């Protein structure tokens, strides 16, 4: 096992849902998806974004897309035109999640497609 960036296993898309955040995380491979399902919990994502104050984090599995969808409630400080945050619509939060360090088998990071 080694620490790798989540971005070695997946890519992400994100955006606002009112004051909430929606982050889609799509694995590069089936092995990456299986690893994420087993290891990337809603609690871990919630803790990663804790400085932004989410009140609840829910994870949805989309196996046909090799994807996980995380919905973080109240993380955008009101969202849209209400928030004074630089990223009030949460477009960069998916990229931020890809910087999360995870413990993973060494071979998993090498499975990223070119």
Protein backbone atom coordinates (compact mmCIF):
# COMPACT_ATOMS: atom_id res chain seq x y z
CA UNK A 1 0.00 0.00 0.00
CA UNK A 2 1.07 3.55 -0.68
CA UNK A 3 -0.46 7.01 -0.53
CA UNK A 4 -1.68 8.26 -3.89
CA UNK A 5 -3.83 11.16 -5.06
CA UNK A 6 -7.44 10.24 -5.70
CA UNK A 7 -6.86 11.75 -9.16
CA UNK A 8 -4.67 8.75 -10.01
CA UNK A 9 -7.77 6.53 -9.80
CA UNK A 10 -10.56 8.80 -11.06
CA UNK A 11 -11.60 12.10 -12.55
CA UNK A 12 -14.37 14.38 -11.31
CA UNK A 13 -17.14 16.81 -12.24
CA UNK A 14 -18.84 19.06 -9.74
CA UNK A 15 -21.32 21.85 -9.33
CA UNK A 16 -23.89 23.42 -7.08
CA UNK A 17 -27.34 22.28 -6.11
CA UNK A 18 -28.48 25.42 -4.28
CA UNK A 19 -26.34 25.61 -1.16
CA UNK A 20 -25.32 21.98 -1.66
CA UNK A 21 -22.56 20.42 -3.73
CA UNK A 22 -22.73 17.54 -6.17
CA UNK A 23 -19.44 15.77 -6.98
CA UNK A 24 -19.35 12.99 -9.55
CA UNK A 25 -16.25 10.81 -9.27
CA UNK A 26 -15.62 8.52 -12.24
CA UNK A 27 -13.05 5.73 -11.96
CA UNK A 28 -10.60 5.15 -14.79
CA UNK A 29 -10.94 1.36 -14.52
CA UNK A 30 -13.19 -1.32 -13.02
CA UNK A 31 -10.47 -2.11 -10.47
CA UNK A 32 -10.37 1.56 -9.51
CA UNK A 33 -14.15 1.66 -9.10
CA UNK A 34 -14.15 -1.48 -6.96
CA UNK A 35 -11.45 0.06 -4.77
CA UNK A 36 -13.36 3.33 -4.40
CA UNK A 37 -16.61 1.55 -3.50
CA UNK A 38 -14.79 -0.35 -0.77
CA UNK A 39 -12.69 2.53 0.55
CA UNK A 40 -14.06 6.00 -0.22
CA UNK A 41 -16.96 6.47 2.16
CA UNK A 42 -19.29 9.42 2.56
CA UNK A 43 -17.68 9.95 5.97
CA UNK A 44 -14.19 10.31 4.46
CA UNK A 45 -15.42 12.83 1.89
CA UNK A 46 -17.34 14.70 4.59
CA UNK A 47 -14.19 14.90 6.72
CA UNK A 48 -12.12 16.11 3.74
CA UNK A 49 -14.52 19.03 3.19
CA UNK A 50 -15.13 19.67 6.90
CA UNK A 51 -13.48 23.14 6.79
CA UNK A 52 -16.33 24.22 4.45
CA UNK A 53 -19.00 23.12 6.93
CA UNK A 54 -21.10 20.44 5.22
CA UNK A 55 -24.02 19.35 7.39
CA UNK A 56 -24.50 15.99 5.65
CA UNK A 57 -22.75 13.92 2.96
CA UNK A 58 -24.45 11.14 1.01
CA UNK A 59 -22.79 8.73 -1.44
CA UNK A 60 -24.58 7.16 -4.41
CA UNK A 61 -23.10 4.31 -6.44
CA UNK A 62 -23.46 4.17 -10.23
CA UNK A 63 -21.72 0.91 -11.18
CA UNK A 64 -22.74 1.06 -14.84
CA UNK A 65 -20.72 4.31 -15.11
CA UNK A 66 -17.93 3.23 -12.75
CA UNK A 67 -18.93 6.31 -10.75
CA UNK A 68 -19.71 7.53 -7.28
CA UNK A 69 -21.79 10.63 -6.69
CA UNK A 70 -21.37 12.60 -3.46
CA UNK A 71 -23.92 15.18 -2.36
CA UNK A 72 -22.73 17.54 0.38
CA UNK A 73 -25.46 19.60 2.05
CA UNK A 74 -24.94 23.25 2.98
CA UNK A 75 -21.28 23.28 1.92
CA UNK A 76 -21.47 26.33 -0.39
CA UNK A 77 -22.37 28.95 2.21
CA UNK A 78 -25.71 29.70 0.57
CA UNK A 79 -24.49 29.05 -2.98
CA UNK A 80 -24.74 31.06 -6.20
CA UNK A 81 -25.26 34.78 -5.78
CA UNK A 82 -25.75 34.53 -1.99
CA UNK A 83 -22.26 33.27 -1.10
CA UNK A 84 -19.16 35.44 -0.87
CA UNK A 85 -16.89 32.46 -1.55
CA UNK A 86 -14.71 32.58 -4.65
CA UNK A 87 -16.21 29.28 -5.88
CA UNK A 88 -19.83 29.85 -4.83
CA UNK A 89 -21.07 27.36 -7.43
CA UNK A 90 -18.67 24.59 -6.44
CA UNK A 91 -17.11 24.06 -9.87
CA UNK A 92 -13.63 23.48 -8.39
CA UNK A 93 -14.60 21.19 -5.53
CA UNK A 94 -14.36 18.05 -7.69
CA UNK A 95 -10.79 19.03 -8.58
CA UNK A 96 -10.09 19.61 -4.89
CA UNK A 97 -11.35 16.12 -4.04
CA UNK A 98 -8.95 14.63 -6.59
CA UNK A 99 -6.09 15.96 -4.43
CA UNK A 100 -7.23 13.83 -1.48
CA UNK A 101 -4.57 11.30 -0.47
CA UNK A 102 -5.72 7.69 -0.14
CA UNK A 103 -4.00 4.47 0.84
CA UNK A 104 -4.06 2.24 -2.23
CA UNK A 105 -2.27 -0.76 -3.68
CA UNK A 106 0.72 0.36 -5.73
CA UNK A 107 -0.57 -1.29 -8.91
CA UNK A 108 -3.83 0.70 -8.75
CA UNK A 109 -2.08 3.98 -9.59
CA UNK A 110 -0.47 2.38 -12.62
CA UNK A 111 -3.84 1.45 -14.15
CA UNK A 112 -4.66 5.00 -15.24
CA UNK A 113 -5.35 4.99 -18.98
CA UNK A 114 -3.25 7.20 -21.29
